[in-house]
Every structure is written in structure tokens, then in C-alpha cells.
Amino acid sequence: MHTFRSVAAVTLFFALVVASLANESESEQSGELSFVDLFNGKDLTNWIDVNTSPDTWSVKDGLLVCTGKPIGVMRSTKMYENFILVVEWRHMEAGGNSGVFLWSDAKPEGNRLPRGMEVQ
């Protein structure tokens, strides 16, 4: 159990992602909302490691897990507008610091974290 906590020391960035985004093109054409899941619960398909070690992010038991070492960001392969985003996360140890960046640069310029709005 301690090993799992170490792996998720700083953050379990998304404890469960039930991320649904409105697909703008289908919505505009049909007048109905269409939702897509960002996370498939199996692997990091459709996610890009932005500025961290490949070992920072992984999938365990259907959850996205972040070790927090080194601090880093990943993003979806696709950009979205007019979306509904639902995220659940928890810190495995006290003193964690994490968030979700929205409307941010695809790749930070010389910084560890992207410019944009961060929800914590």
C-alpha cells in the first residue's frame, strides 16, 4: 500500500475521469449535444506527454495516476471548444498540489507549466 502512495505521492491527478466534451460539429449540425469520453480507462491513447518524464503518468485499475515526480502536464491530442468537463481526483498524501489546465498553450514555452486557466 505504501508503494502505491509513493507512486501517487504528489497527486492522483484524475482519480476517475468521467470527461465528456460536447462535439461542436455534430452539435451544430443536428442541434443535439454529442459527448465523447477523453479517457478510455485502459491506456493513454489520445493523450500527449507535454513536458515531463514518460514515467510520470500511467493507468492503474482504470484510473489515471500521476507520480508528481517530476511535475508535468499531459494533454488530449485534440483541442475542444464549448465543452462540459467532469473530473474527479484526490491526493494520496497530504500537501498535494494539482489541477486541470483549460484553454492553455499546447506546449509551454520554456516553462514547466503551460499558460492558461488552472482549476484546482
PDB file of N, CA and C in Angstrom:
ATOM      1  N   MET A   1       0.828  -1.193   0.000  1.00  0.00           N
ATOM      2  CA  MET A   1       0.000   0.000   0.000  1.00  0.00           C
ATOM      3  C   MET A   1       0.870   1.253   0.000  1.00  0.00           C
ATOM      4  N   HIS A   2       1.967   1.214   0.773  1.00  0.00           N
ATOM      5  CA  HIS A   2       2.856   2.367   0.823  1.00  0.00           C
ATOM      6  C   HIS A   2       3.458   2.636  -0.554  1.00  0.00           C
ATOM      7  N   THR A   3       3.743   1.585  -1.317  1.00  0.00           N
ATOM      8  CA  THR A   3       4.298   1.751  -2.657  1.00  0.00           C
ATOM      9  C   THR A   3       3.323   2.518  -3.535  1.00  0.00           C
ATOM     10  N   PHE A   4       2.058   2.172  -3.452  1.00  0.00           N
ATOM     11  CA  PHE A   4       1.056   2.868  -4.250  1.00  0.00           C
ATOM     12  C   PHE A   4       1.003   4.343  -3.870  1.00  0.00           C
ATOM     13  N   ARG A   5       1.087   4.634  -2.583  1.00  0.00           N
ATOM     14  CA  ARG A   5       1.079   6.027  -2.138  1.00  0.00           C
ATOM     15  C   ARG A   5       2.309   6.763  -2.644  1.00  0.00           C
ATOM     16  N   SER A   6       3.431   6.080  -2.672  1.00  0.00           N
ATOM     17  CA  SER A   6       4.648   6.707  -3.184  1.00  0.00           C
ATOM     18  C   SER A   6       4.496   7.036  -4.657  1.00  0.00           C
ATOM     19  N   VAL A   7       3.898   6.119  -5.389  1.00  0.00           N
ATOM     20  CA  VAL A   7       3.702   6.335  -6.819  1.00  0.00           C
ATOM     21  C   VAL A   7       2.799   7.537  -7.044  1.00  0.00           C
ATOM     22  N   ALA A   8       1.832   7.714  -6.177  1.00  0.00           N
ATOM     23  CA  ALA A   8       0.896   8.826  -6.316  1.00  0.00           C
ATOM     24  C   ALA A   8       1.180   9.903  -5.286  1.00  0.00           C
ATOM     25  N   ALA A   9       2.443  10.081  -4.925  1.00  0.00           N
ATOM     26  CA  ALA A   9       2.842  10.951  -3.815  1.00  0.00           C
ATOM     27  C   ALA A   9       2.274  12.356  -3.926  1.00  0.00           C
ATOM     28  N   VAL A  10       2.539  13.025  -4.985  1.00  0.00           N
ATOM     29  CA  VAL A  10       2.090  14.403  -5.083  1.00  0.00           C
ATOM     30  C   VAL A  10       0.639  14.461  -5.520  1.00  0.00           C
ATOM     31  N   THR A  11       0.263  13.547  -6.380  1.00  0.00           N
ATOM     32  CA  THR A  11      -1.062  13.704  -6.950  1.00  0.00           C
ATOM     33  C   THR A  11      -1.600  12.444  -7.577  1.00  0.00           C
ATOM     34  N   LEU A  12      -2.814  12.220  -7.436  1.00  0.00           N
ATOM     35  CA  LEU A  12      -3.533  11.291  -8.290  1.00  0.00           C
ATOM     36  C   LEU A  12      -4.422  12.227  -9.081  1.00  0.00           C
ATOM     37  N   PHE A  13      -3.845  12.721 -10.175  1.00  0.00           N
ATOM     38  CA  PHE A  13      -4.403  13.867 -10.879  1.00  0.00           C
ATOM     39  C   PHE A  13      -5.864  13.640 -11.236  1.00  0.00           C
ATOM     40  N   PHE A  14      -6.141  12.526 -11.790  1.00  0.00           N
ATOM     41  CA  PHE A  14      -7.543  12.197 -12.022  1.00  0.00           C
ATOM     42  C   PHE A  14      -7.805  10.873 -11.325  1.00  0.00           C
ATOM     43  N   ALA A  15      -8.582  10.880 -10.275  1.00  0.00           N
ATOM     44  CA  ALA A  15      -8.928   9.626  -9.631  1.00  0.00           C
ATOM     45  C   ALA A  15      -9.887   8.874 -10.527  1.00  0.00           C
ATOM     46  N   LEU A  16     -10.760   9.564 -11.109  1.00  0.00           N
ATOM     47  CA  LEU A  16     -11.678   8.971 -12.068  1.00  0.00           C
ATOM     48  C   LEU A  16     -12.046  10.062 -13.036  1.00  0.00           C
ATOM     49  N   VAL A  17     -11.833   9.828 -14.289  1.00  0.00           N
ATOM     50  CA  VAL A  17     -12.199  10.844 -15.255  1.00  0.00           C
ATOM     51  C   VAL A  17     -13.449  10.384 -15.976  1.00  0.00           C
ATOM     52  N   VAL A  18     -14.466  11.111 -15.744  1.00  0.00           N
ATOM     53  CA  VAL A  18     -15.680  10.908 -16.500  1.00  0.00           C
ATOM     54  C   VAL A  18     -15.791  12.172 -17.331  1.00  0.00           C
ATOM     55  N   ALA A  19     -14.869  12.280 -18.267  1.00  0.00           N
ATOM     56  CA  ALA A  19     -14.752  13.511 -19.025  1.00  0.00           C
ATOM     57  C   ALA A  19     -15.625  13.422 -20.262  1.00  0.00           C
ATOM     58  N   SER A  20     -16.522  14.337 -20.350  1.00  0.00           N
ATOM     59  CA  SER A  20     -17.395  14.383 -21.510  1.00  0.00           C
ATOM     60  C   SER A  20     -17.312  15.763 -22.123  1.00  0.00           C
ATOM     61  N   LEU A  21     -17.098  15.787 -23.392  1.00  0.00           N
ATOM     62  CA  LEU A  21     -16.995  17.057 -24.090  1.00  0.00           C
ATOM     63  C   LEU A  21     -18.016  17.096 -25.219  1.00  0.00           C
ATOM     64  N   ALA A  22     -18.644  18.241 -25.384  1.00  0.00           N
ATOM     65  CA  ALA A  22     -19.611  18.391 -26.468  1.00  0.00           C
ATOM     66  C   ALA A  22     -18.861  18.465 -27.788  1.00  0.00           C
ATOM     67  N   ASN A  23     -19.250  17.649 -28.728  1.00  0.00           N
ATOM     68  CA  ASN A  23     -18.640  17.659 -30.051  1.00  0.00           C
ATOM     69  C   ASN A  23     -19.324  18.750 -30.864  1.00  0.00           C
ATOM     70  N   GLU A  24     -18.612  19.845 -31.065  1.00  0.00           N
ATOM     71  CA  GLU A  24     -19.202  21.035 -31.652  1.00  0.00           C
ATOM     72  C   GLU A  24     -19.759  20.812 -33.048  1.00  0.00           C
ATOM     73  N   SER A  25     -19.041  20.108 -33.905  1.00  0.00           N
ATOM     74  CA  SER A  25     -19.506  19.951 -35.284  1.00  0.00           C
ATOM     75  C   SER A  25     -20.815  19.173 -35.352  1.00  0.00           C
ATOM     76  N   GLU A  26     -20.931  18.073 -34.617  1.00  0.00           N
ATOM     77  CA  GLU A  26     -22.173  17.308 -34.612  1.00  0.00           C
ATOM     78  C   GLU A  26     -23.290  18.094 -33.953  1.00  0.00           C
ATOM     79  N   SER A  27     -22.977  18.820 -32.901  1.00  0.00           N
ATOM     80  CA  SER A  27     -23.975  19.606 -32.193  1.00  0.00           C
ATOM     81  C   SER A  27     -24.561  20.667 -33.097  1.00  0.00           C
ATOM     82  N   GLU A  28     -23.698  21.344 -33.839  1.00  0.00           N
ATOM     83  CA  GLU A  28     -24.166  22.402 -34.715  1.00  0.00           C
ATOM     84  C   GLU A  28     -25.039  21.849 -35.830  1.00  0.00           C
ATOM     85  N   GLN A  29     -24.682  20.694 -36.376  1.00  0.00           N
ATOM     86  CA  GLN A  29     -25.421  20.124 -37.491  1.00  0.00           C
ATOM     87  C   GLN A  29     -26.768  19.561 -37.064  1.00  0.00           C
ATOM     88  N   SER A  30     -26.815  18.844 -35.964  1.00  0.00           N
ATOM     89  CA  SER A  30     -28.047  18.171 -35.566  1.00  0.00           C
ATOM     90  C   SER A  30     -28.842  18.939 -34.528  1.00  0.00           C
ATOM     91  N   GLY A  31     -28.223  19.919 -33.884  1.00  0.00           N
ATOM     92  CA  GLY A  31     -28.904  20.641 -32.825  1.00  0.00           C
ATOM     93  C   GLY A  31     -28.913  19.881 -31.507  1.00  0.00           C
ATOM     94  N   GLU A  32     -28.314  18.689 -31.477  1.00  0.00           N
ATOM     95  CA  GLU A  32     -28.251  17.884 -30.260  1.00  0.00           C
ATOM     96  C   GLU A  32     -26.812  17.808 -29.776  1.00  0.00           C
ATOM     97  N   LEU A  33     -26.661  17.662 -28.463  1.00  0.00           N
ATOM     98  CA  LEU A  33     -25.326  17.506 -27.900  1.00  0.00           C
ATOM     99  C   LEU A  33     -24.822  16.093 -28.123  1.00  0.00           C
ATOM    100  N   SER A  34     -23.552  15.990 -28.428  1.00  0.00           N
ATOM    101  CA  SER A  34     -22.896  14.700 -28.576  1.00  0.00           C
ATOM    102  C   SER A  34     -21.700  14.706 -27.639  1.00  0.00           C
ATOM    103  N   PHE A  35     -21.541  13.662 -26.831  1.00  0.00           N
ATOM    104  CA  PHE A  35     -20.474  13.621 -25.843  1.00  0.00           C
ATOM    105  C   PHE A  35     -19.463  12.531 -26.172  1.00  0.00           C
ATOM    106  N   VAL A  36     -18.209  12.805 -25.844  1.00  0.00           N
ATOM    107  CA  VAL A  36     -17.138  11.831 -26.032  1.00  0.00           C
ATOM    108  C   VAL A  36     -16.343  11.727 -24.740  1.00  0.00           C
ATOM    109  N   ASP A  37     -15.865  10.536 -24.428  1.00  0.00           N
ATOM    110  CA  ASP A  37     -15.009  10.338 -23.265  1.00  0.00           C
ATOM    111  C   ASP A  37     -13.573  10.668 -23.650  1.00  0.00           C
ATOM    112  N   LEU A  38     -12.882  11.404 -22.794  1.00  0.00           N
ATOM    113  CA  LEU A  38     -11.474  11.707 -23.037  1.00  0.00           C
ATOM    114  C   LEU A  38     -10.570  10.550 -22.653  1.00  0.00           C
ATOM    115  N   PHE A  39     -10.947   9.817 -21.641  1.00  0.00           N
ATOM    116  CA  PHE A  39     -10.103   8.748 -21.098  1.00  0.00           C
ATOM    117  C   PHE A  39     -10.812   7.416 -21.277  1.00  0.00           C
ATOM    118  N   ASN A  40     -10.112   6.438 -21.866  1.00  0.00           N
ATOM    119  CA  ASN A  40     -10.729   5.141 -22.143  1.00  0.00           C
ATOM    120  C   ASN A  40     -10.641   4.162 -20.975  1.00  0.00           C
ATOM    121  N   GLY A  41      -9.949   4.527 -19.893  1.00  0.00           N
ATOM    122  CA  GLY A  41      -9.845   3.657 -18.721  1.00  0.00           C
ATOM    123  C   GLY A  41      -8.838   2.529 -18.859  1.00  0.00           C
ATOM    124  N   LYS A  42      -8.141   2.457 -20.017  1.00  0.00           N
ATOM    125  CA  LYS A  42      -7.201   1.356 -20.257  1.00  0.00           C
ATOM    126  C   LYS A  42      -5.761   1.809 -20.449  1.00  0.00           C
ATOM    127  N   ASP A  43      -5.584   2.897 -21.197  1.00  0.00           N
ATOM    128  CA  ASP A  43      -4.229   3.346 -21.522  1.00  0.00           C
ATOM    129  C   ASP A  43      -4.253   4.840 -21.822  1.00  0.00           C
ATOM    130  N   LEU A  44      -3.131   5.362 -22.265  1.00  0.00           N
ATOM    131  CA  LEU A  44      -3.007   6.800 -22.513  1.00  0.00           C
ATOM    132  C   LEU A  44      -3.230   7.167 -23.979  1.00  0.00           C
ATOM    133  N   THR A  45      -4.004   6.347 -24.679  1.00  0.00           N
ATOM    134  CA  THR A  45      -4.374   6.656 -26.055  1.00  0.00           C
ATOM    135  C   THR A  45      -5.064   8.017 -26.084  1.00  0.00           C
ATOM    136  N   ASN A  46      -4.731   8.838 -27.058  1.00  0.00           N
ATOM    137  CA  ASN A  46      -5.276  10.184 -27.245  1.00  0.00           C
ATOM    138  C   ASN A  46      -4.770  11.195 -26.224  1.00  0.00           C
ATOM    139  N   TRP A  47      -3.674  10.871 -25.531  1.00  0.00           N
ATOM    140  CA  TRP A  47      -3.037  11.797 -24.598  1.00  0.00           C
ATOM    141  C   TRP A  47      -1.596  12.014 -25.030  1.00  0.00           C
ATOM    142  N   ILE A  48      -1.093  13.233 -24.866  1.00  0.00           N
ATOM    143  CA  ILE A  48       0.272  13.597 -25.229  1.00  0.00           C
ATOM    144  C   ILE A  48       1.003  14.068 -23.981  1.00  0.00           C
ATOM    145  N   ASP A  49       2.188  13.516 -23.752  1.00  0.00           N
ATOM    146  CA  ASP A  49       3.063  13.966 -22.674  1.00  0.00           C
ATOM    147  C   ASP A  49       3.660  15.301 -23.110  1.00  0.00           C
ATOM    148  N   VAL A  50       3.355  16.365 -22.382  1.00  0.00           N
ATOM    149  CA  VAL A  50       3.774  17.702 -22.795  1.00  0.00           C
ATOM    150  C   VAL A  50       5.194  18.030 -22.354  1.00  0.00           C
ATOM    151  N   ASN A  51       5.498  17.857 -21.084  1.00  0.00           N
ATOM    152  CA  ASN A  51       6.784  18.355 -20.591  1.00  0.00           C
ATOM    153  C   ASN A  51       7.311  17.580 -19.388  1.00  0.00           C
ATOM    154  N   THR A  52       7.137  16.282 -19.375  1.00  0.00           N
ATOM    155  CA  THR A  52       7.567  15.515 -18.219  1.00  0.00           C
ATOM    156  C   THR A  52       8.093  14.149 -18.638  1.00  0.00           C
ATOM    157  N   SER A  53       8.523  13.386 -17.690  1.00  0.00           N
ATOM    158  CA  SER A  53       9.020  12.039 -17.937  1.00  0.00           C
ATOM    159  C   SER A  53       7.865  11.119 -18.330  1.00  0.00           C
ATOM    160  N   PRO A  54       8.088  10.189 -19.242  1.00  0.00           N
ATOM    161  CA  PRO A  54       7.037   9.228 -19.597  1.00  0.00           C
ATOM    162  C   PRO A  54       6.571   8.389 -18.406  1.00  0.00           C
ATOM    163  N   ASP A  55       7.386   8.303 -17.354  1.00  0.00           N
ATOM    164  CA  ASP A  55       7.008   7.519 -16.175  1.00  0.00           C
ATOM    165  C   ASP A  55       6.112   8.284 -15.205  1.00  0.00           C
ATOM    166  N   THR A  56       5.893   9.577 -15.446  1.00  0.00           N
ATOM    167  CA  THR A  56       5.086  10.379 -14.525  1.00  0.00           C
ATOM    168  C   THR A  56       3.616   9.983 -14.570  1.00  0.00           C
ATOM    169  N   TRP A  57       3.101   9.698 -15.749  1.00  0.00           N
ATOM    170  CA  TRP A  57       1.684   9.354 -15.913  1.00  0.00           C
ATOM    171  C   TRP A  57       1.534   7.889 -16.289  1.00  0.00           C
ATOM    172  N   SER A  58       0.539   7.235 -15.717  1.00  0.00           N
ATOM    173  CA  SER A  58       0.251   5.839 -16.054  1.00  0.00           C
ATOM    174  C   SER A  58      -1.225   5.564 -15.795  1.00  0.00           C
ATOM    175  N   VAL A  59      -1.642   4.357 -16.121  1.00  0.00           N
ATOM    176  CA  VAL A  59      -3.012   3.918 -15.858  1.00  0.00           C
ATOM    177  C   VAL A  59      -2.940   2.720 -14.936  1.00  0.00           C
ATOM    178  N   LYS A  60      -3.707   2.758 -13.858  1.00  0.00           N
ATOM    179  CA  LYS A  60      -3.756   1.646 -12.911  1.00  0.00           C
ATOM    180  C   LYS A  60      -5.200   1.451 -12.468  1.00  0.00           C
ATOM    181  N   ASP A  61      -5.694   0.245 -12.614  1.00  0.00           N
ATOM    182  CA  ASP A  61      -7.063  -0.088 -12.205  1.00  0.00           C
ATOM    183  C   ASP A  61      -8.090   0.873 -12.798  1.00  0.00           C
ATOM    184  N   GLY A  62      -7.898   1.252 -14.053  1.00  0.00           N
ATOM    185  CA  GLY A  62      -8.850   2.115 -14.735  1.00  0.00           C
ATOM    186  C   GLY A  62      -8.746   3.587 -14.384  1.00  0.00           C
ATOM    187  N   LEU A  63      -7.699   3.975 -13.654  1.00  0.00           N
ATOM    188  CA  LEU A  63      -7.520   5.363 -13.234  1.00  0.00           C
ATOM    189  C   LEU A  63      -6.250   5.949 -13.826  1.00  0.00           C
ATOM    190  N   LEU A  64      -6.266   7.237 -14.117  1.00  0.00           N
ATOM    191  CA  LEU A  64      -5.046   7.948 -14.482  1.00  0.00           C
ATOM    192  C   LEU A  64      -4.285   8.219 -13.199  1.00  0.00           C
ATOM    193  N   VAL A  65      -3.018   7.855 -13.171  1.00  0.00           N
ATOM    194  CA  VAL A  65      -2.197   8.019 -11.969  1.00  0.00           C
ATOM    195  C   VAL A  65      -0.998   8.892 -12.314  1.00  0.00           C
ATOM    196  N   CYS A  66      -0.730   9.866 -11.463  1.00  0.00           N
ATOM    197  CA  CYS A  66       0.421  10.746 -11.635  1.00  0.00           C
ATOM    198  C   CYS A  66       1.314  10.628 -10.413  1.00  0.00           C
ATOM    199  N   THR A  67       2.594  10.367 -10.645  1.00  0.00           N
ATOM    200  CA  THR A  67       3.530  10.288  -9.523  1.00  0.00           C
ATOM    201  C   THR A  67       3.868  11.671  -8.990  1.00  0.00           C
ATOM    202  N   GLY A  68       3.753  12.689  -9.843  1.00  0.00           N
ATOM    203  CA  GLY A  68       4.111  14.042  -9.452  1.00  0.00           C
ATOM    204  C   GLY A  68       5.601  14.301  -9.505  1.00  0.00           C
ATOM    205  N   LYS A  69       6.357  13.306  -9.934  1.00  0.00           N
ATOM    206  CA  LYS A  69       7.816  13.431  -9.971  1.00  0.00           C
ATOM    207  C   LYS A  69       8.326  13.000 -11.336  1.00  0.00           C
ATOM    208  N   PRO A  70       8.822  13.859 -12.149  1.00  0.00           N
ATOM    209  CA  PRO A  70       8.787  15.305 -11.988  1.00  0.00           C
ATOM    210  C   PRO A  70       7.403  15.858 -12.297  1.00  0.00           C
ATOM    211  N   ILE A  71       7.182  17.082 -11.843  1.00  0.00           N
ATOM    212  CA  ILE A  71       5.915  17.748 -12.141  1.00  0.00           C
ATOM    213  C   ILE A  71       5.791  17.836 -13.650  1.00  0.00           C
ATOM    214  N   GLY A  72       4.619  17.606 -14.158  1.00  0.00           N
ATOM    215  CA  GLY A  72       4.451  17.690 -15.592  1.00  0.00           C
ATOM    216  C   GLY A  72       3.006  17.624 -16.008  1.00  0.00           C
ATOM    217  N   VAL A  73       2.812  17.897 -17.258  1.00  0.00           N
ATOM    218  CA  VAL A  73       1.478  18.047 -17.817  1.00  0.00           C
ATOM    219  C   VAL A  73       1.316  17.097 -18.989  1.00  0.00           C
ATOM    220  N   MET A  74       0.125  16.566 -19.134  1.00  0.00           N
ATOM    221  CA  MET A  74      -0.227  15.887 -20.371  1.00  0.00           C
ATOM    222  C   MET A  74      -1.522  16.510 -20.863  1.00  0.00           C
ATOM    223  N   ARG A  75      -1.794  16.331 -22.148  1.00  0.00           N
ATOM    224  CA  ARG A  75      -2.991  16.940 -22.729  1.00  0.00           C
ATOM    225  C   ARG A  75      -3.618  15.979 -23.724  1.00  0.00           C
ATOM    226  N   SER A  76      -4.849  16.272 -24.082  1.00  0.00           N
ATOM    227  CA  SER A  76      -5.510  15.454 -25.091  1.00  0.00           C
ATOM    228  C   SER A  76      -4.913  15.777 -26.457  1.00  0.00           C
ATOM    229  N   THR A  77      -5.027  14.843 -27.384  1.00  0.00           N
ATOM    230  CA  THR A  77      -4.489  15.064 -28.726  1.00  0.00           C
ATOM    231  C   THR A  77      -5.332  16.064 -29.504  1.00  0.00           C
ATOM    232  N   LYS A  78      -6.568  16.222 -29.110  1.00  0.00           N
ATOM    233  CA  LYS A  78      -7.500  17.091 -29.816  1.00  0.00           C
ATOM    234  C   LYS A  78      -7.810  18.321 -28.966  1.00  0.00           C
ATOM    235  N   MET A  79      -8.056  19.447 -29.616  1.00  0.00           N
ATOM    236  CA  MET A  79      -8.479  20.656 -28.913  1.00  0.00           C
ATOM    237  C   MET A  79     -10.001  20.731 -28.965  1.00  0.00           C
ATOM    238  N   TYR A  80     -10.579  21.285 -27.912  1.00  0.00           N
ATOM    239  CA  TYR A  80     -12.032  21.354 -27.793  1.00  0.00           C
ATOM    240  C   TYR A  80     -12.488  22.777 -27.500  1.00  0.00           C
ATOM    241  N   GLU A  81     -13.727  23.075 -27.885  1.00  0.00           N
ATOM    242  CA  GLU A  81     -14.393  24.330 -27.549  1.00  0.00           C
ATOM    243  C   GLU A  81     -15.779  23.987 -27.031  1.00  0.00           C
ATOM    244  N   ASN A  82     -16.352  24.885 -26.275  1.00  0.00           N
ATOM    245  CA  ASN A  82     -17.733  24.724 -25.810  1.00  0.00           C
ATOM    246  C   ASN A  82     -17.956  23.346 -25.206  1.00  0.00           C
ATOM    247  N   PHE A  83     -17.247  23.064 -24.138  1.00  0.00           N
ATOM    248  CA  PHE A  83     -17.269  21.720 -23.580  1.00  0.00           C
ATOM    249  C   PHE A  83     -17.789  21.687 -22.157  1.00  0.00           C
ATOM    250  N   ILE A  84     -18.161  20.503 -21.761  1.00  0.00           N
ATOM    251  CA  ILE A  84     -18.503  20.190 -20.379  1.00  0.00           C
ATOM    252  C   ILE A  84     -17.448  19.196 -19.923  1.00  0.00           C
ATOM    253  N   LEU A  85     -16.722  19.534 -18.880  1.00  0.00           N
ATOM    254  CA  LEU A  85     -15.650  18.672 -18.388  1.00  0.00           C
ATOM    255  C   LEU A  85     -15.961  18.272 -16.955  1.00  0.00           C
ATOM    256  N   VAL A  86     -15.972  16.976 -16.710  1.00  0.00           N
ATOM    257  CA  VAL A  86     -16.203  16.456 -15.365  1.00  0.00           C
ATOM    258  C   VAL A  86     -14.961  15.675 -14.961  1.00  0.00           C
ATOM    259  N   VAL A  87     -14.343  16.068 -13.854  1.00  0.00           N
ATOM    260  CA  VAL A  87     -13.113  15.433 -13.379  1.00  0.00           C
ATOM    261  C   VAL A  87     -13.239  15.180 -11.885  1.00  0.00           C
ATOM    262  N   GLU A  88     -12.821  14.010 -11.456  1.00  0.00           N
ATOM    263  CA  GLU A  88     -12.704  13.714 -10.033  1.00  0.00           C
ATOM    264  C   GLU A  88     -11.257  13.335  -9.779  1.00  0.00           C
ATOM    265  N   TRP A  89     -10.655  13.892  -8.724  1.00  0.00           N
ATOM    266  CA  TRP A  89      -9.301  13.494  -8.366  1.00  0.00           C
ATOM    267  C   TRP A  89      -9.120  13.601  -6.868  1.00  0.00           C
ATOM    268  N   ARG A  90      -8.072  12.962  -6.402  1.00  0.00           N
ATOM    269  CA  ARG A  90      -7.737  13.076  -4.986  1.00  0.00           C
ATOM    270  C   ARG A  90      -6.234  12.941  -4.822  1.00  0.00           C
ATOM    271  N   HIS A  91      -5.752  13.519  -3.743  1.00  0.00           N
ATOM    272  CA  HIS A  91      -4.344  13.412  -3.380  1.00  0.00           C
ATOM    273  C   HIS A  91      -4.196  12.211  -2.464  1.00  0.00           C
ATOM    274  N   MET A  92      -3.185  11.415  -2.710  1.00  0.00           N
ATOM    275  CA  MET A  92      -2.965  10.218  -1.898  1.00  0.00           C
ATOM    276  C   MET A  92      -2.236  10.538  -0.599  1.00  0.00           C
ATOM    277  N   GLU A  93      -1.599  11.682  -0.519  1.00  0.00           N
ATOM    278  CA  GLU A  93      -0.908  12.115   0.696  1.00  0.00           C
ATOM    279  C   GLU A  93      -1.213  13.592   0.921  1.00  0.00           C
ATOM    280  N   ALA A  94      -1.133  14.034   2.153  1.00  0.00           N
ATOM    281  CA  ALA A  94      -1.385  15.433   2.488  1.00  0.00           C
ATOM    282  C   ALA A  94      -0.392  16.345   1.772  1.00  0.00           C
ATOM    283  N   GLY A  95      -0.835  17.551   1.488  1.00  0.00           N
ATOM    284  CA  GLY A  95       0.055  18.544   0.890  1.00  0.00           C
ATOM    285  C   GLY A  95       0.166  18.471  -0.614  1.00  0.00           C
ATOM    286  N   GLY A  96      -0.708  17.719  -1.259  1.00  0.00           N
ATOM    287  CA  GLY A  96      -0.653  17.617  -2.715  1.00  0.00           C
ATOM    288  C   GLY A  96      -1.069  18.918  -3.386  1.00  0.00           C
ATOM    289  N   ASN A  97      -0.650  19.082  -4.615  1.00  0.00           N
ATOM    290  CA  ASN A  97      -0.979  20.275  -5.379  1.00  0.00           C
ATOM    291  C   ASN A  97      -1.176  19.850  -6.825  1.00  0.00           C
ATOM    292  N   SER A  98      -2.398  19.977  -7.319  1.00  0.00           N
ATOM    293  CA  SER A  98      -2.641  19.620  -8.709  1.00  0.00           C
ATOM    294  C   SER A  98      -3.825  20.404  -9.225  1.00  0.00           C
ATOM    295  N   GLY A  99      -4.051  20.282 -10.499  1.00  0.00           N
ATOM    296  CA  GLY A  99      -5.171  20.964 -11.104  1.00  0.00           C
ATOM    297  C   GLY A  99      -5.336  20.543 -12.544  1.00  0.00           C
ATOM    298  N   VAL A 100      -6.318  21.143 -13.180  1.00  0.00           N
ATOM    299  CA  VAL A 100      -6.608  20.887 -14.585  1.00  0.00           C
ATOM    300  C   VAL A 100      -6.453  22.215 -15.314  1.00  0.00           C
ATOM    301  N   PHE A 101      -5.593  22.234 -16.328  1.00  0.00           N
ATOM    302  CA  PHE A 101      -5.421  23.433 -17.137  1.00  0.00           C
ATOM    303  C   PHE A 101      -6.458  23.440 -18.253  1.00  0.00           C
ATOM    304  N   LEU A 102      -7.076  24.587 -18.457  1.00  0.00           N
ATOM    305  CA  LEU A 102      -8.046  24.780 -19.532  1.00  0.00           C
ATOM    306  C   LEU A 102      -7.590  25.949 -20.389  1.00  0.00           C
ATOM    307  N   TRP A 103      -7.912  25.902 -21.656  1.00  0.00           N
ATOM    308  CA  TRP A 103      -7.580  26.971 -22.584  1.00  0.00           C
ATOM    309  C   TRP A 103      -6.111  27.362 -22.459  1.00  0.00           C
ATOM    310  N   SER A 104      -5.266  26.396 -22.520  1.00  0.00           N
ATOM    311  CA  SER A 104      -3.834  26.643 -22.341  1.00  0.00           C
ATOM    312  C   SER A 104      -3.070  26.367 -23.632  1.00  0.00           C
ATOM    313  N   ASP A 105      -1.813  26.789 -23.626  1.00  0.00           N
ATOM    314  CA  ASP A 105      -0.941  26.533 -24.767  1.00  0.00           C
ATOM    315  C   ASP A 105      -0.745  25.030 -24.937  1.00  0.00           C
ATOM    316  N   ALA A 106      -0.609  24.598 -26.173  1.00  0.00           N
ATOM    317  CA  ALA A 106      -0.372  23.178 -26.432  1.00  0.00           C
ATOM    318  C   ALA A 106       0.979  22.738 -25.887  1.00  0.00           C
ATOM    319  N   LYS A 107       1.971  23.604 -25.939  1.00  0.00           N
ATOM    320  CA  LYS A 107       3.320  23.301 -25.448  1.00  0.00           C
ATOM    321  C   LYS A 107       3.843  24.534 -24.721  1.00  0.00           C
ATOM    322  N   PRO A 108       4.202  24.409 -23.453  1.00  0.00           N
ATOM    323  CA  PRO A 108       4.730  25.562 -22.720  1.00  0.00           C
ATOM    324  C   PRO A 108       6.030  26.065 -23.339  1.00  0.00           C
ATOM    325  N   GLU A 109       6.195  27.364 -23.353  1.00  0.00           N
ATOM    326  CA  GLU A 109       7.420  27.967 -23.886  1.00  0.00           C
ATOM    327  C   GLU A 109       8.408  28.191 -22.755  1.00  0.00           C
ATOM    328  N   GLY A 110       9.340  27.281 -22.573  1.00  0.00           N
ATOM    329  CA  GLY A 110      10.392  27.445 -21.589  1.00  0.00           C
ATOM    330  C   GLY A 110       9.948  27.337 -20.144  1.00  0.00           C
ATOM    331  N   ASN A 111       8.696  27.079 -19.906  1.00  0.00           N
ATOM    332  CA  ASN A 111       8.183  26.949 -18.544  1.00  0.00           C
ATOM    333  C   ASN A 111       7.786  25.514 -18.273  1.00  0.00           C
ATOM    334  N   ARG A 112       7.745  25.165 -17.012  1.00  0.00           N
ATOM    335  CA  ARG A 112       7.292  23.821 -16.662  1.00  0.00           C
ATOM    336  C   ARG A 112       5.802  23.659 -16.902  1.00  0.00           C
ATOM    337  N   LEU A 113       5.047  24.694 -16.603  1.00  0.00           N
ATOM    338  CA  LEU A 113       3.596  24.604 -16.716  1.00  0.00           C
ATOM    339  C   LEU A 113       3.102  25.534 -17.815  1.00  0.00           C
ATOM    340  N   PRO A 114       2.032  25.145 -18.499  1.00  0.00           N
ATOM    341  CA  PRO A 114       1.520  25.982 -19.585  1.00  0.00           C
ATOM    342  C   PRO A 114       0.817  27.226 -19.056  1.00  0.00           C
ATOM    343  N   ARG A 115       0.732  28.230 -19.916  1.00  0.00           N
ATOM    344  CA  ARG A 115      -0.087  29.393 -19.594  1.00  0.00           C
ATOM    345  C   ARG A 115      -1.528  29.005 -19.855  1.00  0.00           C
ATOM    346  N   GLY A 116      -2.412  29.456 -19.015  1.00  0.00           N
ATOM    347  CA  GLY A 116      -3.819  29.163 -19.182  1.00  0.00           C
ATOM    348  C   GLY A 116      -4.508  29.172 -17.835  1.00  0.00           C
ATOM    349  N   MET A 117      -5.769  28.849 -17.845  1.00  0.00           N
ATOM    350  CA  MET A 117      -6.533  28.812 -16.609  1.00  0.00           C
ATOM    351  C   MET A 117      -6.341  27.447 -15.949  1.00  0.00           C
ATOM    352  N   GLU A 118      -6.016  27.440 -14.658  1.00  0.00           N
ATOM    353  CA  GLU A 118      -5.866  26.187 -13.922  1.00  0.00           C
ATOM    354  C   GLU A 118      -6.959  26.104 -12.863  1.00  0.00           C
ATOM    355  N   VAL A 119      -7.687  25.016 -12.876  1.00  0.00           N
ATOM    356  CA  VAL A 119      -8.721  24.765 -11.876  1.00  0.00           C
ATOM    357  C   VAL A 119      -8.149  23.795 -10.868  1.00  0.00           C
ATOM    358  N   GLN A 120      -8.212  24.171  -9.571  1.00  0.00           N
ATOM    359  CA  GLN A 120      -7.668  23.306  -8.519  1.00  0.00           C
ATOM    360  C   GLN A 120      -8.755  22.886  -7.565  1.00  0.00           C
TER     361      GLN A 120
END
